[in-house]
């Protein structure tokens, strides 16, 4: 599994899930990001996350395919 450490921009408290998937390059496009979320293959802290614009905050761990994205504050 490939671990990715992602830092939320300074002054922000969250990043929408589909933007996170795009920003970390685990998907190629916004439409692909939306589709994988709708398909139920993205896990947030061990549970399936079906909300495309879920607010991902510091401390959240996102699992998708062979990627583990750990979100932190800047």
C-alpha atoms as a PDB file:
ATOM      1  CA  UNK A   1       0.000   0.000   0.000  1.00  0.00           C
ATOM      2  CA  UNK A   2       1.306   3.451  -0.929  1.00  0.00           C
ATOM      3  CA  UNK A   3       1.017   5.991   1.879  1.00  0.00           C
ATOM      4  CA  UNK A   4       0.397   9.627   0.954  1.00  0.00           C
ATOM      5  CA  UNK A   5       0.685  12.427   3.507  1.00  0.00           C
ATOM      6  CA  UNK A   6      -1.563  15.319   2.497  1.00  0.00           C
ATOM      7  CA  UNK A   7      -1.449  18.706   4.194  1.00  0.00           C
ATOM      8  CA  UNK A   8      -4.547  20.908   4.150  1.00  0.00           C
ATOM      9  CA  UNK A   9      -3.699  24.440   3.041  1.00  0.00           C
ATOM     10  CA  UNK A  10      -2.924  26.928   5.789  1.00  0.00           C
ATOM     11  CA  UNK A  11      -6.055  28.805   6.858  1.00  0.00           C
ATOM     12  CA  UNK A  12      -8.396  26.014   5.711  1.00  0.00           C
ATOM     13  CA  UNK A  13      -9.955  23.381   7.945  1.00  0.00           C
ATOM     14  CA  UNK A  14     -11.069  20.784   5.382  1.00  0.00           C
ATOM     15  CA  UNK A  15     -10.893  19.633   1.781  1.00  0.00           C
ATOM     16  CA  UNK A  16     -13.838  18.082  -0.110  1.00  0.00           C
ATOM     17  CA  UNK A  17     -13.304  14.372  -0.765  1.00  0.00           C
ATOM     18  CA  UNK A  18     -13.334  14.549  -4.574  1.00  0.00           C
ATOM     19  CA  UNK A  19     -10.815  17.415  -4.494  1.00  0.00           C
ATOM     20  CA  UNK A  20      -8.555  15.371  -2.228  1.00  0.00           C
ATOM     21  CA  UNK A  21      -8.625  12.431  -4.618  1.00  0.00           C
ATOM     22  CA  UNK A  22      -7.666  14.716  -7.505  1.00  0.00           C
ATOM     23  CA  UNK A  23      -5.024  16.643  -5.542  1.00  0.00           C
ATOM     24  CA  UNK A  24      -3.226  13.432  -4.556  1.00  0.00           C
ATOM     25  CA  UNK A  25      -3.348  12.107  -8.145  1.00  0.00           C
ATOM     26  CA  UNK A  26      -5.033   8.828  -7.213  1.00  0.00           C
ATOM     27  CA  UNK A  27      -7.635   9.558  -9.923  1.00  0.00           C
ATOM     28  CA  UNK A  28      -7.194  11.239 -13.303  1.00  0.00           C
ATOM     29  CA  UNK A  29     -10.205  13.551 -13.283  1.00  0.00           C
ATOM     30  CA  UNK A  30     -13.010  15.029 -11.249  1.00  0.00           C
ATOM     31  CA  UNK A  31     -15.539  12.786 -12.950  1.00  0.00           C
ATOM     32  CA  UNK A  32     -13.488   9.711 -12.055  1.00  0.00           C
ATOM     33  CA  UNK A  33     -13.270  10.944  -8.449  1.00  0.00           C
ATOM     34  CA  UNK A  34     -17.050  11.326  -8.313  1.00  0.00           C
ATOM     35  CA  UNK A  35     -17.602   7.883  -9.819  1.00  0.00           C
ATOM     36  CA  UNK A  36     -15.340   5.993  -7.393  1.00  0.00           C
ATOM     37  CA  UNK A  37     -17.069   7.674  -4.452  1.00  0.00           C
ATOM     38  CA  UNK A  38     -20.553   6.832  -5.809  1.00  0.00           C
ATOM     39  CA  UNK A  39     -19.370   3.248  -6.434  1.00  0.00           C
ATOM     40  CA  UNK A  40     -18.579   2.915  -2.727  1.00  0.00           C
ATOM     41  CA  UNK A  41     -14.892   2.038  -3.105  1.00  0.00           C
ATOM     42  CA  UNK A  42     -13.507   4.916  -1.008  1.00  0.00           C
ATOM     43  CA  UNK A  43     -13.154   4.409   2.744  1.00  0.00           C
ATOM     44  CA  UNK A  44     -12.918   7.205   5.293  1.00  0.00           C
ATOM     45  CA  UNK A  45     -11.579   6.088   8.659  1.00  0.00           C
ATOM     46  CA  UNK A  46     -12.538   2.501   7.810  1.00  0.00           C
ATOM     47  CA  UNK A  47     -16.126   3.185   6.678  1.00  0.00           C
ATOM     48  CA  UNK A  48     -17.472   3.590   3.151  1.00  0.00           C
ATOM     49  CA  UNK A  49     -17.874   7.282   2.294  1.00  0.00           C
ATOM     50  CA  UNK A  50     -20.569   7.983  -0.308  1.00  0.00           C
ATOM     51  CA  UNK A  51     -20.655  11.792  -0.044  1.00  0.00           C
ATOM     52  CA  UNK A  52     -18.640  13.326  -2.877  1.00  0.00           C
ATOM     53  CA  UNK A  53     -18.174  16.593  -1.043  1.00  0.00           C
ATOM     54  CA  UNK A  54     -17.588  15.119   2.405  1.00  0.00           C
ATOM     55  CA  UNK A  55     -15.425  17.498   4.433  1.00  0.00           C
ATOM     56  CA  UNK A  56     -12.144  15.688   4.996  1.00  0.00           C
ATOM     57  CA  UNK A  57     -10.358  17.086   8.047  1.00  0.00           C
ATOM     58  CA  UNK A  58      -6.989  16.669   9.724  1.00  0.00           C
ATOM     59  CA  UNK A  59      -6.650  13.177  11.177  1.00  0.00           C
ATOM     60  CA  UNK A  60      -8.864  11.495   8.571  1.00  0.00           C
ATOM     61  CA  UNK A  61      -7.463   8.483   6.724  1.00  0.00           C
ATOM     62  CA  UNK A  62      -8.756   7.777   3.227  1.00  0.00           C
ATOM     63  CA  UNK A  63      -8.300   4.357   1.647  1.00  0.00           C
ATOM     64  CA  UNK A  64      -8.708   3.889  -2.096  1.00  0.00           C
ATOM     65  CA  UNK A  65      -7.281   0.966  -4.074  1.00  0.00           C
ATOM     66  CA  UNK A  66      -3.624   0.671  -3.008  1.00  0.00           C
ATOM     67  CA  UNK A  67      -3.459   4.176  -1.539  1.00  0.00           C
ATOM     68  CA  UNK A  68      -3.678   5.331   2.062  1.00  0.00           C
ATOM     69  CA  UNK A  69      -4.064   9.115   2.285  1.00  0.00           C
ATOM     70  CA  UNK A  70      -3.366  10.582   5.719  1.00  0.00           C
ATOM     71  CA  UNK A  71      -4.675  14.147   6.067  1.00  0.00           C
ATOM     72  CA  UNK A  72      -2.902  16.674   8.273  1.00  0.00           C
ATOM     73  CA  UNK A  73      -2.973  20.411   8.933  1.00  0.00           C
ATOM     74  CA  UNK A  74      -0.283  22.506   7.240  1.00  0.00           C
END
